[in-house]
């Protein structure tokens, strides 16, 4: 999530190249994590990431207790 947060900060500052780099790093990290999870575990992981992204986009801070 850190790369996604940094990407959002950079994008808001107009640094599209830096934002794209951090999105690429986040995507790579998710694929790497997926190699160590079952298909079901990865689906759950994806849903958690999706929920957090929706919270960020909506301007809310995700509740860490849901992690």
C-alpha atoms as a PDB file:
ATOM      1  CA  UNK A   1       0.000   0.000   0.000  1.00  0.00           C
ATOM      2  CA  UNK A   2       2.918   2.343   0.578  1.00  0.00           C
ATOM      3  CA  UNK A   3       3.721   2.495  -3.142  1.00  0.00           C
ATOM      4  CA  UNK A   4       0.090   3.279  -3.912  1.00  0.00           C
ATOM      5  CA  UNK A   5       0.021   6.052  -1.296  1.00  0.00           C
ATOM      6  CA  UNK A   6       3.235   7.539  -2.684  1.00  0.00           C
ATOM      7  CA  UNK A   7       1.821   7.288  -6.189  1.00  0.00           C
ATOM      8  CA  UNK A   8      -1.251   9.287  -5.181  1.00  0.00           C
ATOM      9  CA  UNK A   9       0.889  11.974  -3.540  1.00  0.00           C
ATOM     10  CA  UNK A  10       3.108  12.238  -6.624  1.00  0.00           C
ATOM     11  CA  UNK A  11       0.142  12.319  -9.001  1.00  0.00           C
ATOM     12  CA  UNK A  12      -1.491  15.127  -7.028  1.00  0.00           C
ATOM     13  CA  UNK A  13       1.805  17.026  -7.232  1.00  0.00           C
ATOM     14  CA  UNK A  14       1.853  16.570 -11.013  1.00  0.00           C
ATOM     15  CA  UNK A  15       4.695  14.027 -11.081  1.00  0.00           C
ATOM     16  CA  UNK A  16       3.107  11.498 -13.411  1.00  0.00           C
ATOM     17  CA  UNK A  17       6.384   9.689 -14.109  1.00  0.00           C
ATOM     18  CA  UNK A  18       7.029   9.091 -10.402  1.00  0.00           C
ATOM     19  CA  UNK A  19       3.391   8.112  -9.852  1.00  0.00           C
ATOM     20  CA  UNK A  20       3.546   5.536 -12.668  1.00  0.00           C
ATOM     21  CA  UNK A  21       6.794   4.106 -11.240  1.00  0.00           C
ATOM     22  CA  UNK A  22       5.194   3.528  -7.849  1.00  0.00           C
ATOM     23  CA  UNK A  23       2.064   1.983  -9.366  1.00  0.00           C
ATOM     24  CA  UNK A  24       4.317  -0.402 -11.306  1.00  0.00           C
ATOM     25  CA  UNK A  25       6.180  -1.262  -8.093  1.00  0.00           C
ATOM     26  CA  UNK A  26       2.891  -1.893  -6.264  1.00  0.00           C
ATOM     27  CA  UNK A  27       1.684  -4.138  -9.078  1.00  0.00           C
ATOM     28  CA  UNK A  28       4.931  -6.100  -9.022  1.00  0.00           C
ATOM     29  CA  UNK A  29       4.719  -6.497  -5.239  1.00  0.00           C
ATOM     30  CA  UNK A  30       1.177  -7.856  -5.507  1.00  0.00           C
ATOM     31  CA  UNK A  31       2.220 -10.405  -8.125  1.00  0.00           C
ATOM     32  CA  UNK A  32       5.183 -11.457  -5.981  1.00  0.00           C
ATOM     33  CA  UNK A  33       2.975 -11.835  -2.899  1.00  0.00           C
ATOM     34  CA  UNK A  34       0.559 -13.899  -4.974  1.00  0.00           C
ATOM     35  CA  UNK A  35       3.233 -16.489  -5.637  1.00  0.00           C
ATOM     36  CA  UNK A  36       3.235 -17.367  -1.952  1.00  0.00           C
ATOM     37  CA  UNK A  37      -0.550 -17.616  -1.549  1.00  0.00           C
ATOM     38  CA  UNK A  38      -3.220 -20.021  -2.605  1.00  0.00           C
ATOM     39  CA  UNK A  39      -5.723 -18.795  -5.172  1.00  0.00           C
ATOM     40  CA  UNK A  40      -8.312 -18.215  -2.425  1.00  0.00           C
ATOM     41  CA  UNK A  41      -5.827 -16.345  -0.223  1.00  0.00           C
ATOM     42  CA  UNK A  42      -4.884 -14.126  -3.151  1.00  0.00           C
ATOM     43  CA  UNK A  43      -8.557 -13.351  -3.861  1.00  0.00           C
ATOM     44  CA  UNK A  44      -9.007 -12.278  -0.232  1.00  0.00           C
ATOM     45  CA  UNK A  45      -5.822 -10.190  -0.437  1.00  0.00           C
ATOM     46  CA  UNK A  46      -7.060  -8.494  -3.619  1.00  0.00           C
ATOM     47  CA  UNK A  47     -10.384  -7.632  -1.972  1.00  0.00           C
ATOM     48  CA  UNK A  48      -8.582  -6.065   0.995  1.00  0.00           C
ATOM     49  CA  UNK A  49      -6.408  -3.969  -1.314  1.00  0.00           C
ATOM     50  CA  UNK A  50      -9.463  -2.966  -3.342  1.00  0.00           C
ATOM     51  CA  UNK A  51     -11.304  -1.939  -0.156  1.00  0.00           C
ATOM     52  CA  UNK A  52      -8.369   0.170   0.996  1.00  0.00           C
ATOM     53  CA  UNK A  53      -8.082   1.840  -2.407  1.00  0.00           C
ATOM     54  CA  UNK A  54     -11.773   2.688  -2.353  1.00  0.00           C
ATOM     55  CA  UNK A  55     -11.308   4.174   1.127  1.00  0.00           C
ATOM     56  CA  UNK A  56      -8.377   6.281  -0.063  1.00  0.00           C
ATOM     57  CA  UNK A  57     -10.247   7.472  -3.141  1.00  0.00           C
ATOM     58  CA  UNK A  58     -13.293   8.335  -1.014  1.00  0.00           C
ATOM     59  CA  UNK A  59     -11.012  10.357   1.270  1.00  0.00           C
ATOM     60  CA  UNK A  60     -11.408   8.105   4.294  1.00  0.00           C
ATOM     61  CA  UNK A  61      -8.656   6.479   6.296  1.00  0.00           C
ATOM     62  CA  UNK A  62      -9.043   2.682   6.298  1.00  0.00           C
ATOM     63  CA  UNK A  63      -9.549   1.112   9.710  1.00  0.00           C
ATOM     64  CA  UNK A  64      -6.377  -0.835  10.502  1.00  0.00           C
ATOM     65  CA  UNK A  65      -8.431  -3.271  12.566  1.00  0.00           C
ATOM     66  CA  UNK A  66      -9.899  -4.636   9.319  1.00  0.00           C
ATOM     67  CA  UNK A  67      -6.502  -5.701   8.011  1.00  0.00           C
END
